[in-house]
PDB file of N, CA and C in Angstrom:
ATOM      1  N   UNK A   1     116.052 121.381  86.070  1.00  0.00           N
ATOM      2  CA  UNK A   1     115.490 120.084  85.741  1.00  0.00           C
ATOM      3  C   UNK A   1     116.268 118.985  86.477  1.00  0.00           C
ATOM      4  N   UNK A   2     115.528 118.096  87.126  1.00  0.00           N
ATOM      5  CA  UNK A   2     116.148 117.013  87.887  1.00  0.00           C
ATOM      6  C   UNK A   2     116.583 115.877  86.977  1.00  0.00           C
ATOM      7  N   UNK A   3     117.633 115.203  87.399  1.00  0.00           N
ATOM      8  CA  UNK A   3     118.024 113.976  86.711  1.00  0.00           C
ATOM      9  C   UNK A   3     117.020 112.885  87.088  1.00  0.00           C
ATOM     10  N   UNK A   4     117.069 111.781  86.381  1.00  0.00           N
ATOM     11  CA  UNK A   4     116.171 110.664  86.671  1.00  0.00           C
ATOM     12  C   UNK A   4     116.357 110.185  88.107  1.00  0.00           C
ATOM     13  N   UNK A   5     117.587 110.031  88.540  1.00  0.00           N
ATOM     14  CA  UNK A   5     117.868 109.567  89.907  1.00  0.00           C
ATOM     15  C   UNK A   5     117.346 110.558  90.941  1.00  0.00           C
ATOM     16  N   UNK A   6     117.547 111.849  90.709  1.00  0.00           N
ATOM     17  CA  UNK A   6     117.054 112.873  91.643  1.00  0.00           C
ATOM     18  C   UNK A   6     115.529 112.855  91.715  1.00  0.00           C
ATOM     19  N   UNK A   7     114.887 112.713  90.557  1.00  0.00           N
ATOM     20  CA  UNK A   7     113.416 112.684  90.515  1.00  0.00           C
ATOM     21  C   UNK A   7     112.898 111.476  91.281  1.00  0.00           C
ATOM     22  N   UNK A   8     113.536 110.327  91.097  1.00  0.00           N
ATOM     23  CA  UNK A   8     113.095 109.125  91.801  1.00  0.00           C
ATOM     24  C   UNK A   8     113.277 109.253  93.311  1.00  0.00           C
ATOM     25  N   UNK A   9     114.352 109.888  93.735  1.00  0.00           N
ATOM     26  CA  UNK A   9     114.541 110.112  95.164  1.00  0.00           C
ATOM     27  C   UNK A   9     113.495 111.096  95.694  1.00  0.00           C
ATOM     28  N   UNK A  10     113.152 112.095  94.909  1.00  0.00           N
ATOM     29  CA  UNK A  10     112.088 113.029  95.295  1.00  0.00           C
ATOM     30  C   UNK A  10     110.760 112.292  95.429  1.00  0.00           C
ATOM     31  N   UNK A  11     110.476 111.406  94.494  1.00  0.00           N
ATOM     32  CA  UNK A  11     109.258 110.604  94.537  1.00  0.00           C
ATOM     33  C   UNK A  11     109.238 109.740  95.794  1.00  0.00           C
ATOM     34  N   UNK A  12     110.337 109.114  96.093  1.00  0.00           N
ATOM     35  CA  UNK A  12     110.448 108.293  97.298  1.00  0.00           C
ATOM     36  C   UNK A  12     110.236 109.131  98.555  1.00  0.00           C
ATOM     37  N   UNK A  13     110.824 110.303  98.617  1.00  0.00           N
ATOM     38  CA  UNK A  13     110.657 111.185  99.781  1.00  0.00           C
ATOM     39  C   UNK A  13     109.202 111.615  99.936  1.00  0.00           C
ATOM     40  N   UNK A  14     108.542 111.945  98.833  1.00  0.00           N
ATOM     41  CA  UNK A  14     107.123 112.330  98.876  1.00  0.00           C
ATOM     42  C   UNK A  14     106.294 111.179  99.425  1.00  0.00           C
ATOM     43  N   UNK A  15     106.515 109.981  98.907  1.00  0.00           N
ATOM     44  CA  UNK A  15     105.749 108.828  99.378  1.00  0.00           C
ATOM     45  C   UNK A  15     106.025 108.519 100.849  1.00  0.00           C
ATOM     46  N   UNK A  16     107.243 108.715 101.294  1.00  0.00           N
ATOM     47  CA  UNK A  16     107.564 108.491 102.709  1.00  0.00           C
ATOM     48  C   UNK A  16     106.799 109.459 103.610  1.00  0.00           C
ATOM     49  N   UNK A  17     106.614 110.670 103.155  1.00  0.00           N
ATOM     50  CA  UNK A  17     105.856 111.663 103.933  1.00  0.00           C
ATOM     51  C   UNK A  17     104.357 111.381 103.890  1.00  0.00           C
ATOM     52  N   UNK A  18     103.832 111.079 102.719  1.00  0.00           N
ATOM     53  CA  UNK A  18     102.381 110.956 102.530  1.00  0.00           C
ATOM     54  C   UNK A  18     101.855 109.538 102.735  1.00  0.00           C
ATOM     55  N   UNK A  19     102.674 108.539 102.490  1.00  0.00           N
ATOM     56  CA  UNK A  19     102.336 107.118 102.575  1.00  0.00           C
ATOM     57  C   UNK A  19     101.385 106.658 101.473  1.00  0.00           C
ATOM     58  N   UNK A  20     100.628 107.556 100.871  1.00  0.00           N
ATOM     59  CA  UNK A  20      99.723 107.218  99.777  1.00  0.00           C
ATOM     60  C   UNK A  20      99.501 108.468  98.934  1.00  0.00           C
ATOM     61  N   UNK A  21      99.437 108.288  97.621  1.00  0.00           N
ATOM     62  CA  UNK A  21      99.133 109.407  96.732  1.00  0.00           C
ATOM     63  C   UNK A  21      98.647 108.859  95.399  1.00  0.00           C
ATOM     64  N   UNK A  22      98.166 109.735  94.562  1.00  0.00           N
ATOM     65  CA  UNK A  22      97.711 109.325  93.236  1.00  0.00           C
ATOM     66  C   UNK A  22      98.814 109.574  92.212  1.00  0.00           C
ATOM     67  N   UNK A  23      98.757 108.853  91.119  1.00  0.00           N
ATOM     68  CA  UNK A  23      99.711 109.065  90.027  1.00  0.00           C
ATOM     69  C   UNK A  23      99.631 110.492  89.507  1.00  0.00           C
ATOM     70  N   UNK A  24      98.418 111.002  89.377  1.00  0.00           N
ATOM     71  CA  UNK A  24      98.221 112.363  88.842  1.00  0.00           C
ATOM     72  C   UNK A  24      98.846 113.399  89.762  1.00  0.00           C
ATOM     73  N   UNK A  25      98.622 113.264  91.048  1.00  0.00           N
ATOM     74  CA  UNK A  25      99.185 114.211  92.014  1.00  0.00           C
ATOM     75  C   UNK A  25     100.713 114.153  92.021  1.00  0.00           C
ATOM     76  N   UNK A  26     101.257 112.952  91.999  1.00  0.00           N
ATOM     77  CA  UNK A  26     102.712 112.796  91.991  1.00  0.00           C
ATOM     78  C   UNK A  26     103.318 113.387  90.718  1.00  0.00           C
ATOM     79  N   UNK A  27     102.674 113.126  89.588  1.00  0.00           N
ATOM     80  CA  UNK A  27     103.164 113.672  88.320  1.00  0.00           C
ATOM     81  C   UNK A  27     103.150 115.194  88.354  1.00  0.00           C
ATOM     82  N   UNK A  28     102.081 115.763  88.889  1.00  0.00           N
ATOM     83  CA  UNK A  28     101.982 117.220  88.989  1.00  0.00           C
ATOM     84  C   UNK A  28     103.069 117.788  89.900  1.00  0.00           C
ATOM     85  N   UNK A  29     103.275 117.164  91.046  1.00  0.00           N
ATOM     86  CA  UNK A  29     104.291 117.627  92.002  1.00  0.00           C
ATOM     87  C   UNK A  29     105.698 117.564  91.418  1.00  0.00           C
ATOM     88  N   UNK A  30     105.946 116.544  90.604  1.00  0.00           N
ATOM     89  CA  UNK A  30     107.286 116.355  90.040  1.00  0.00           C
ATOM     90  C   UNK A  30     107.464 117.028  88.680  1.00  0.00           C
ATOM     91  N   UNK A  31     106.373 117.516  88.096  1.00  0.00           N
ATOM     92  CA  UNK A  31     106.450 118.185  86.798  1.00  0.00           C
ATOM     93  C   UNK A  31     106.748 117.248  85.643  1.00  0.00           C
ATOM     94  N   UNK A  32     106.213 116.028  85.752  1.00  0.00           N
ATOM     95  CA  UNK A  32     106.420 115.030  84.705  1.00  0.00           C
ATOM     96  C   UNK A  32     105.081 114.389  84.357  1.00  0.00           C
ATOM     97  N   UNK A  33     105.094 113.502  83.385  1.00  0.00           N
ATOM     98  CA  UNK A  33     103.865 112.825  82.973  1.00  0.00           C
ATOM     99  C   UNK A  33     103.532 111.677  83.931  1.00  0.00           C
ATOM    100  N   UNK A  34     102.271 111.265  83.881  1.00  0.00           N
ATOM    101  CA  UNK A  34     101.838 110.111  84.666  1.00  0.00           C
ATOM    102  C   UNK A  34     102.620 108.872  84.238  1.00  0.00           C
ATOM    103  N   UNK A  35     102.880 108.755  82.962  1.00  0.00           N
ATOM    104  CA  UNK A  35     103.649 107.609  82.448  1.00  0.00           C
ATOM    105  C   UNK A  35     105.056 107.576  83.062  1.00  0.00           C
ATOM    106  N   UNK A  36     105.684 108.730  83.193  1.00  0.00           N
ATOM    107  CA  UNK A  36     107.018 108.799  83.799  1.00  0.00           C
ATOM    108  C   UNK A  36     106.964 108.351  85.254  1.00  0.00           C
ATOM    109  N   UNK A  37     105.957 108.817  85.989  1.00  0.00           N
ATOM    110  CA  UNK A  37     105.812 108.409  87.392  1.00  0.00           C
ATOM    111  C   UNK A  37     105.566 106.913  87.466  1.00  0.00           C
ATOM    112  N   UNK A  38     104.722 106.387  86.599  1.00  0.00           N
ATOM    113  CA  UNK A  38     104.443 104.954  86.582  1.00  0.00           C
ATOM    114  C   UNK A  38     105.740 104.160  86.355  1.00  0.00           C
ATOM    115  N   UNK A  39     106.550 104.622  85.408  1.00  0.00           N
ATOM    116  CA  UNK A  39     107.835 103.958  85.142  1.00  0.00           C
ATOM    117  C   UNK A  39     108.775 104.060  86.341  1.00  0.00           C
ATOM    118  N   UNK A  40     108.816 105.234  86.963  1.00  0.00           N
ATOM    119  CA  UNK A  40     109.667 105.413  88.145  1.00  0.00           C
ATOM    120  C   UNK A  40     109.229 104.488  89.282  1.00  0.00           C
ATOM    121  N   UNK A  41     107.934 104.354  89.474  1.00  0.00           N
ATOM    122  CA  UNK A  41     107.417 103.485  90.530  1.00  0.00           C
ATOM    123  C   UNK A  41     107.796 102.041  90.251  1.00  0.00           C
ATOM    124  N   UNK A  42     107.710 101.651  89.002  1.00  0.00           N
ATOM    125  CA  UNK A  42     108.081 100.284  88.633  1.00  0.00           C
ATOM    126  C   UNK A  42     109.547 100.011  88.983  1.00  0.00           C
ATOM    127  N   UNK A  43     110.414 100.965  88.730  1.00  0.00           N
ATOM    128  CA  UNK A  43     111.837 100.808  89.058  1.00  0.00           C
ATOM    129  C   UNK A  43     112.047 100.821  90.566  1.00  0.00           C
ATOM    130  N   UNK A  44     111.448 101.797  91.259  1.00  0.00           N
ATOM    131  CA  UNK A  44     111.628 101.919  92.706  1.00  0.00           C
ATOM    132  C   UNK A  44     111.073 100.710  93.458  1.00  0.00           C
ATOM    133  N   UNK A  45     109.990 100.126  92.946  1.00  0.00           N
ATOM    134  CA  UNK A  45     109.369  98.981  93.615  1.00  0.00           C
ATOM    135  C   UNK A  45     110.268  97.752  93.627  1.00  0.00           C
ATOM    136  N   UNK A  46     111.286  97.740  92.808  1.00  0.00           N
ATOM    137  CA  UNK A  46     112.250  96.629  92.817  1.00  0.00           C
ATOM    138  C   UNK A  46     113.141  96.678  94.052  1.00  0.00           C
ATOM    139  N   UNK A  47     113.284  97.850  94.650  1.00  0.00           N
ATOM    140  CA  UNK A  47     114.178  98.031  95.790  1.00  0.00           C
ATOM    141  C   UNK A  47     113.440  98.462  97.057  1.00  0.00           C
ATOM    142  N   UNK A  48     112.364  99.210  96.906  1.00  0.00           N
ATOM    143  CA  UNK A  48     111.646  99.782  98.039  1.00  0.00           C
ATOM    144  C   UNK A  48     110.247  99.187  98.134  1.00  0.00           C
ATOM    145  N   UNK A  49     109.641  99.212  99.332  1.00  0.00           N
ATOM    146  CA  UNK A  49     108.322  98.606  99.522  1.00  0.00           C
ATOM    147  C   UNK A  49     107.189  99.517  99.011  1.00  0.00           C
ATOM    148  N   UNK A  50     107.185  99.723  97.708  1.00  0.00           N
ATOM    149  CA  UNK A  50     106.180 100.558  97.054  1.00  0.00           C
ATOM    150  C   UNK A  50     105.265  99.642  96.256  1.00  0.00           C
ATOM    151  N   UNK A  51     103.979  99.926  96.285  1.00  0.00           N
ATOM    152  CA  UNK A  51     103.029  99.155  95.499  1.00  0.00           C
ATOM    153  C   UNK A  51     101.870 100.047  95.072  1.00  0.00           C
ATOM    154  N   UNK A  52     101.137  99.592  94.076  1.00  0.00           N
ATOM    155  CA  UNK A  52      99.983 100.340  93.592  1.00  0.00           C
ATOM    156  C   UNK A  52      98.728  99.500  93.782  1.00  0.00           C
ATOM    157  N   UNK A  53      97.626 100.206  93.952  1.00  0.00           N
ATOM    158  CA  UNK A  53      96.322  99.565  94.075  1.00  0.00           C
ATOM    159  C   UNK A  53      95.392 100.288  93.119  1.00  0.00           C
ATOM    160  N   UNK A  54      94.644  99.530  92.325  1.00  0.00           N
ATOM    161  CA  UNK A  54      93.703 100.144  91.391  1.00  0.00           C
ATOM    162  C   UNK A  54      92.339 100.310  92.054  1.00  0.00           C
ATOM    163  N   UNK A  55      91.525 101.150  91.469  1.00  0.00           N
ATOM    164  CA  UNK A  55      90.165 101.349  91.972  1.00  0.00           C
ATOM    165  C   UNK A  55      90.016 102.656  92.717  1.00  0.00           C
ATOM    166  N   UNK A  56      88.822 102.875  93.206  1.00  0.00           N
ATOM    167  CA  UNK A  56      88.475 104.142  93.862  1.00  0.00           C
ATOM    168  C   UNK A  56      89.343 104.446  95.087  1.00  0.00           C
ATOM    169  N   UNK A  57      89.685 103.431  95.856  1.00  0.00           N
ATOM    170  CA  UNK A  57      90.528 103.624  97.045  1.00  0.00           C
ATOM    171  C   UNK A  57      92.003 103.370  96.738  1.00  0.00           C
ATOM    172  N   UNK A  58      92.326 103.270  95.465  1.00  0.00           N
ATOM    173  CA  UNK A  58      93.672 102.929  95.052  1.00  0.00           C
ATOM    174  C   UNK A  58      94.618 104.110  95.049  1.00  0.00           C
ATOM    175  N   UNK A  59      95.784 103.849  94.509  1.00  0.00           N
ATOM    176  CA  UNK A  59      96.818 104.858  94.418  1.00  0.00           C
ATOM    177  C   UNK A  59      98.184 104.207  94.514  1.00  0.00           C
ATOM    178  N   UNK A  60      99.153 105.026  94.827  1.00  0.00           N
ATOM    179  CA  UNK A  60     100.523 104.564  95.018  1.00  0.00           C
ATOM    180  C   UNK A  60     100.789 104.597  96.518  1.00  0.00           C
ATOM    181  N   UNK A  61     101.291 103.503  97.047  1.00  0.00           N
ATOM    182  CA  UNK A  61     101.511 103.361  98.484  1.00  0.00           C
ATOM    183  C   UNK A  61     102.967 103.000  98.755  1.00  0.00           C
ATOM    184  N   UNK A  62     103.411 103.353  99.949  1.00  0.00           N
ATOM    185  CA  UNK A  62     104.669 102.840 100.470  1.00  0.00           C
ATOM    186  C   UNK A  62     104.339 102.261 101.840  1.00  0.00           C
ATOM    187  N   UNK A  63     104.941 101.138 102.172  1.00  0.00           N
ATOM    188  CA  UNK A  63     104.637 100.482 103.446  1.00  0.00           C
ATOM    189  C   UNK A  63     104.834 101.462 104.604  1.00  0.00           C
ATOM    190  N   UNK A  64     103.924 101.419 105.560  1.00  0.00           N
ATOM    191  CA  UNK A  64     103.950 102.361 106.693  1.00  0.00           C
ATOM    192  C   UNK A  64     105.219 102.222 107.534  1.00  0.00           C
ATOM    193  N   UNK A  65     105.774 101.014 107.612  1.00  0.00           N
ATOM    194  CA  UNK A  65     106.960 100.809 108.443  1.00  0.00           C
ATOM    195  C   UNK A  65     108.220 101.401 107.817  1.00  0.00           C
ATOM    196  N   UNK A  66     108.187 101.672 106.514  1.00  0.00           N
ATOM    197  CA  UNK A  66     109.390 102.124 105.831  1.00  0.00           C
ATOM    198  C   UNK A  66     109.685 103.591 106.130  1.00  0.00           C
ATOM    199  N   UNK A  67     110.918 103.855 106.471  1.00  0.00           N
ATOM    200  CA  UNK A  67     111.386 105.225 106.668  1.00  0.00           C
ATOM    201  C   UNK A  67     112.598 105.418 105.766  1.00  0.00           C
ATOM    202  N   UNK A  68     112.599 106.488 105.022  1.00  0.00           N
ATOM    203  CA  UNK A  68     113.679 106.759 104.085  1.00  0.00           C
ATOM    204  C   UNK A  68     115.009 106.843 104.822  1.00  0.00           C
ATOM    205  N   UNK A  69     115.991 106.094 104.371  1.00  0.00           N
ATOM    206  CA  UNK A  69     117.309 106.113 104.985  1.00  0.00           C
ATOM    207  C   UNK A  69     117.425 105.259 106.239  1.00  0.00           C
ATOM    208  N   UNK A  70     116.347 104.574 106.609  1.00  0.00           N
ATOM    209  CA  UNK A  70     116.363 103.757 107.814  1.00  0.00           C
ATOM    210  C   UNK A  70     117.142 102.478 107.555  1.00  0.00           C
ATOM    211  N   UNK A  71     117.961 102.093 108.494  1.00  0.00           N
ATOM    212  CA  UNK A  71     118.722 100.857 108.407  1.00  0.00           C
ATOM    213  C   UNK A  71     118.120  99.878 109.407  1.00  0.00           C
ATOM    214  N   UNK A  72     117.845  98.671 108.954  1.00  0.00           N
ATOM    215  CA  UNK A  72     117.262  97.658 109.813  1.00  0.00           C
ATOM    216  C   UNK A  72     118.278  96.574 110.119  1.00  0.00           C
ATOM    217  N   UNK A  73     118.105  95.927 111.274  1.00  0.00           N
ATOM    218  CA  UNK A  73     119.005  94.853 111.673  1.00  0.00           C
ATOM    219  C   UNK A  73     118.687  93.586 110.883  1.00  0.00           C
ATOM    220  N   UNK A  74     119.704  92.757 110.748  1.00  0.00           N
ATOM    221  CA  UNK A  74     119.511  91.453 110.118  1.00  0.00           C
ATOM    222  C   UNK A  74     118.875  90.511 111.133  1.00  0.00           C
ATOM    223  N   UNK A  75     118.384  89.387 110.649  1.00  0.00           N
ATOM    224  CA  UNK A  75     117.788  88.377 111.526  1.00  0.00           C
ATOM    225  C   UNK A  75     118.805  87.895 112.554  1.00  0.00           C
ATOM    226  N   UNK A  76     120.039  87.714 112.127  1.00  0.00           N
ATOM    227  CA  UNK A  76     121.085  87.250 113.042  1.00  0.00           C
ATOM    228  C   UNK A  76     121.344  88.268 114.146  1.00  0.00           C
ATOM    229  N   UNK A  77     121.364  89.540 113.807  1.00  0.00           N
ATOM    230  CA  UNK A  77     121.579  90.592 114.803  1.00  0.00           C
ATOM    231  C   UNK A  77     120.423  90.627 115.810  1.00  0.00           C
ATOM    232  N   UNK A  78     119.227  90.492 115.303  1.00  0.00           N
ATOM    233  CA  UNK A  78     118.040  90.501 116.177  1.00  0.00           C
ATOM    234  C   UNK A  78     118.081  89.321 117.142  1.00  0.00           C
ATOM    235  N   UNK A  79     118.390  88.147 116.619  1.00  0.00           N
ATOM    236  CA  UNK A  79     118.463  86.946 117.465  1.00  0.00           C
ATOM    237  C   UNK A  79     119.514  87.093 118.559  1.00  0.00           C
ATOM    238  N   UNK A  80     120.682  87.652 118.212  1.00  0.00           N
ATOM    239  CA  UNK A  80     121.737  87.856 119.200  1.00  0.00           C
ATOM    240  C   UNK A  80     121.268  88.800 120.303  1.00  0.00           C
ATOM    241  N   UNK A  81     120.668  89.908 119.928  1.00  0.00           N
ATOM    242  CA  UNK A  81     120.208  90.872 120.929  1.00  0.00           C
ATOM    243  C   UNK A  81     119.115  90.279 121.818  1.00  0.00           C
ATOM    244  N   UNK A  82     118.267  89.456 121.254  1.00  0.00           N
ATOM    245  CA  UNK A  82     117.225  88.810 122.062  1.00  0.00           C
ATOM    246  C   UNK A  82     117.849  87.856 123.082  1.00  0.00           C
ATOM    247  N   UNK A  83     118.873  87.129 122.657  1.00  0.00           N
ATOM    248  CA  UNK A  83     119.562  86.226 123.596  1.00  0.00           C
ATOM    249  C   UNK A  83     120.264  87.016 124.701  1.00  0.00           C
ATOM    250  N   UNK A  84     120.938  88.088 124.325  1.00  0.00           N
ATOM    251  CA  UNK A  84     121.632  88.919 125.311  1.00  0.00           C
ATOM    252  C   UNK A  84     120.652  89.592 126.262  1.00  0.00           C
ATOM    253  N   UNK A  85     119.474  89.893 125.779  1.00  0.00           N
ATOM    254  CA  UNK A  85     118.459  90.586 126.570  1.00  0.00           C
ATOM    255  C   UNK A  85     118.034  89.774 127.789  1.00  0.00           C
ATOM    256  N   UNK A  86     118.097  88.461 127.692  1.00  0.00           N
ATOM    257  CA  UNK A  86     117.645  87.588 128.779  1.00  0.00           C
ATOM    258  C   UNK A  86     118.429  87.799 130.066  1.00  0.00           C
ATOM    259  N   UNK A  87     119.702  88.157 129.987  1.00  0.00           N
ATOM    260  CA  UNK A  87     120.526  88.307 131.177  1.00  0.00           C
ATOM    261  C   UNK A  87     120.582  89.719 131.743  1.00  0.00           C
ATOM    262  N   UNK A  88     119.824  90.629 131.173  1.00  0.00           N
ATOM    263  CA  UNK A  88     119.878  92.032 131.591  1.00  0.00           C
ATOM    264  C   UNK A  88     118.898  92.332 132.713  1.00  0.00           C
ATOM    265  N   UNK A  89     119.157  93.451 133.395  1.00  0.00           N
ATOM    266  CA  UNK A  89     118.220  93.930 134.408  1.00  0.00           C
ATOM    267  C   UNK A  89     116.925  94.360 133.717  1.00  0.00           C
ATOM    268  N   UNK A  90     115.879  94.513 134.487  1.00  0.00           N
ATOM    269  CA  UNK A  90     114.584  94.912 133.915  1.00  0.00           C
ATOM    270  C   UNK A  90     114.688  96.246 133.163  1.00  0.00           C
ATOM    271  N   UNK A  91     115.403  97.187 133.729  1.00  0.00           N
ATOM    272  CA  UNK A  91     115.583  98.503 133.087  1.00  0.00           C
ATOM    273  C   UNK A  91     116.316  98.356 131.749  1.00  0.00           C
ATOM    274  N   UNK A  92     117.410  97.569 131.759  1.00  0.00           N
ATOM    275  CA  UNK A  92     118.182  97.367 130.537  1.00  0.00           C
ATOM    276  C   UNK A  92     117.393  96.562 129.506  1.00  0.00           C
ATOM    277  N   UNK A  93     116.538  95.658 129.969  1.00  0.00           N
ATOM    278  CA  UNK A  93     115.690  94.907 129.043  1.00  0.00           C
ATOM    279  C   UNK A  93     114.732  95.849 128.297  1.00  0.00           C
ATOM    280  N   UNK A  94     114.203  96.823 129.005  1.00  0.00           N
ATOM    281  CA  UNK A  94     113.313  97.801 128.361  1.00  0.00           C
ATOM    282  C   UNK A  94     114.072  98.611 127.315  1.00  0.00           C
ATOM    283  N   UNK A  95     115.299  98.990 127.649  1.00  0.00           N
ATOM    284  CA  UNK A  95     116.124  99.732 126.690  1.00  0.00           C
ATOM    285  C   UNK A  95     116.432  98.865 125.478  1.00  0.00           C
ATOM    286  N   UNK A  96     116.793  97.613 125.719  1.00  0.00           N
ATOM    287  CA  UNK A  96     117.086  96.693 124.620  1.00  0.00           C
ATOM    288  C   UNK A  96     115.844  96.503 123.748  1.00  0.00           C
ATOM    289  N   UNK A  97     114.686  96.375 124.375  1.00  0.00           N
ATOM    290  CA  UNK A  97     113.456  96.198 123.610  1.00  0.00           C
ATOM    291  C   UNK A  97     113.165  97.421 122.746  1.00  0.00           C
ATOM    292  N   UNK A  98     113.476  98.605 123.256  1.00  0.00           N
ATOM    293  CA  UNK A  98     113.248  99.816 122.451  1.00  0.00           C
ATOM    294  C   UNK A  98     114.179  99.843 121.235  1.00  0.00           C
ATOM    295  N   UNK A  99     115.387  99.339 121.408  1.00  0.00           N
ATOM    296  CA  UNK A  99     116.315  99.234 120.272  1.00  0.00           C
ATOM    297  C   UNK A  99     115.764  98.255 119.246  1.00  0.00           C
ATOM    298  N   UNK A 100     115.308  97.109 119.724  1.00  0.00           N
ATOM    299  CA  UNK A 100     114.733  96.115 118.815  1.00  0.00           C
ATOM    300  C   UNK A 100     113.503  96.667 118.099  1.00  0.00           C
ATOM    301  N   UNK A 101     112.658  97.377 118.814  1.00  0.00           N
ATOM    302  CA  UNK A 101     111.451  97.956 118.205  1.00  0.00           C
ATOM    303  C   UNK A 101     111.801  98.982 117.132  1.00  0.00           C
ATOM    304  N   UNK A 102     112.850  99.762 117.371  1.00  0.00           N
ATOM    305  CA  UNK A 102     113.240 100.811 116.433  1.00  0.00           C
ATOM    306  C   UNK A 102     113.883 100.249 115.177  1.00  0.00           C
ATOM    307  N   UNK A 103     114.727  99.250 115.329  1.00  0.00           N
ATOM    308  CA  UNK A 103     115.527  98.781 114.206  1.00  0.00           C
ATOM    309  C   UNK A 103     115.119  97.421 113.653  1.00  0.00           C
ATOM    310  N   UNK A 104     113.931  96.971 114.003  1.00  0.00           N
ATOM    311  CA  UNK A 104     113.391  95.738 113.452  1.00  0.00           C
ATOM    312  C   UNK A 104     112.278  96.105 112.487  1.00  0.00           C
ATOM    313  N   UNK A 105     112.338  95.554 111.305  1.00  0.00           N
ATOM    314  CA  UNK A 105     111.307  95.814 110.299  1.00  0.00           C
ATOM    315  C   UNK A 105     109.980  95.295 110.795  1.00  0.00           C
ATOM    316  N   UNK A 106     108.974  96.130 110.767  1.00  0.00           N
ATOM    317  CA  UNK A 106     107.644  95.766 111.246  1.00  0.00           C
ATOM    318  C   UNK A 106     106.862  95.049 110.155  1.00  0.00           C
ATOM    319  N   UNK A 107     106.157  94.011 110.526  1.00  0.00           N
ATOM    320  CA  UNK A 107     105.250  93.367 109.579  1.00  0.00           C
ATOM    321  C   UNK A 107     104.058  94.289 109.394  1.00  0.00           C
ATOM    322  N   UNK A 108     103.513  94.299 108.186  1.00  0.00           N
ATOM    323  CA  UNK A 108     102.373  95.171 107.935  1.00  0.00           C
ATOM    324  C   UNK A 108     101.403  94.500 106.996  1.00  0.00           C
ATOM    325  N   UNK A 109     100.202  95.057 106.986  1.00  0.00           N
ATOM    326  CA  UNK A 109      99.165  94.598 106.063  1.00  0.00           C
ATOM    327  C   UNK A 109      98.908  95.694 105.070  1.00  0.00           C
ATOM    328  N   UNK A 110      98.895  95.362 103.792  1.00  0.00           N
ATOM    329  CA  UNK A 110      98.707  96.381 102.755  1.00  0.00           C
ATOM    330  C   UNK A 110      97.352  97.072 102.897  1.00  0.00           C
ATOM    331  N   UNK A 111      96.402  96.458 103.522  1.00  0.00           N
ATOM    332  CA  UNK A 111      95.094  97.077 103.673  1.00  0.00           C
ATOM    333  C   UNK A 111      95.041  98.106 104.775  1.00  0.00           C
ATOM    334  N   UNK A 112      96.044  98.147 105.649  1.00  0.00           N
ATOM    335  CA  UNK A 112      96.051  99.118 106.750  1.00  0.00           C
ATOM    336  C   UNK A 112      96.429 100.490 106.250  1.00  0.00           C
ATOM    337  N   UNK A 113      95.674 101.492 106.603  1.00  0.00           N
ATOM    338  CA  UNK A 113      95.978 102.871 106.192  1.00  0.00           C
ATOM    339  C   UNK A 113      95.821 103.806 107.339  1.00  0.00           C
TER     340      UNK A 113
END
């Protein structure tokens, strides 16, 4: 039997892989009640980009840009790298841009699936 923290991390990992799922499916996968999953989602949503949508196309979602364990740069770090990028060769600018693309949080629309 998993501890509460272990179960919540399992839930987060499942959502990171699937990006969308139903409460019933998540509860079944974790061996807990729908109410427990709902409570876990409420707690996780305080820290992670998880949200729920009601209705036929609804479910539990995690933002597509989010990757479990991913570390993103701060605004100050991004601004510094952009300034430094201006003086680089074209090849190095492409490398710098790939770093920025990888470690910059992407804006997303909740309706995109």
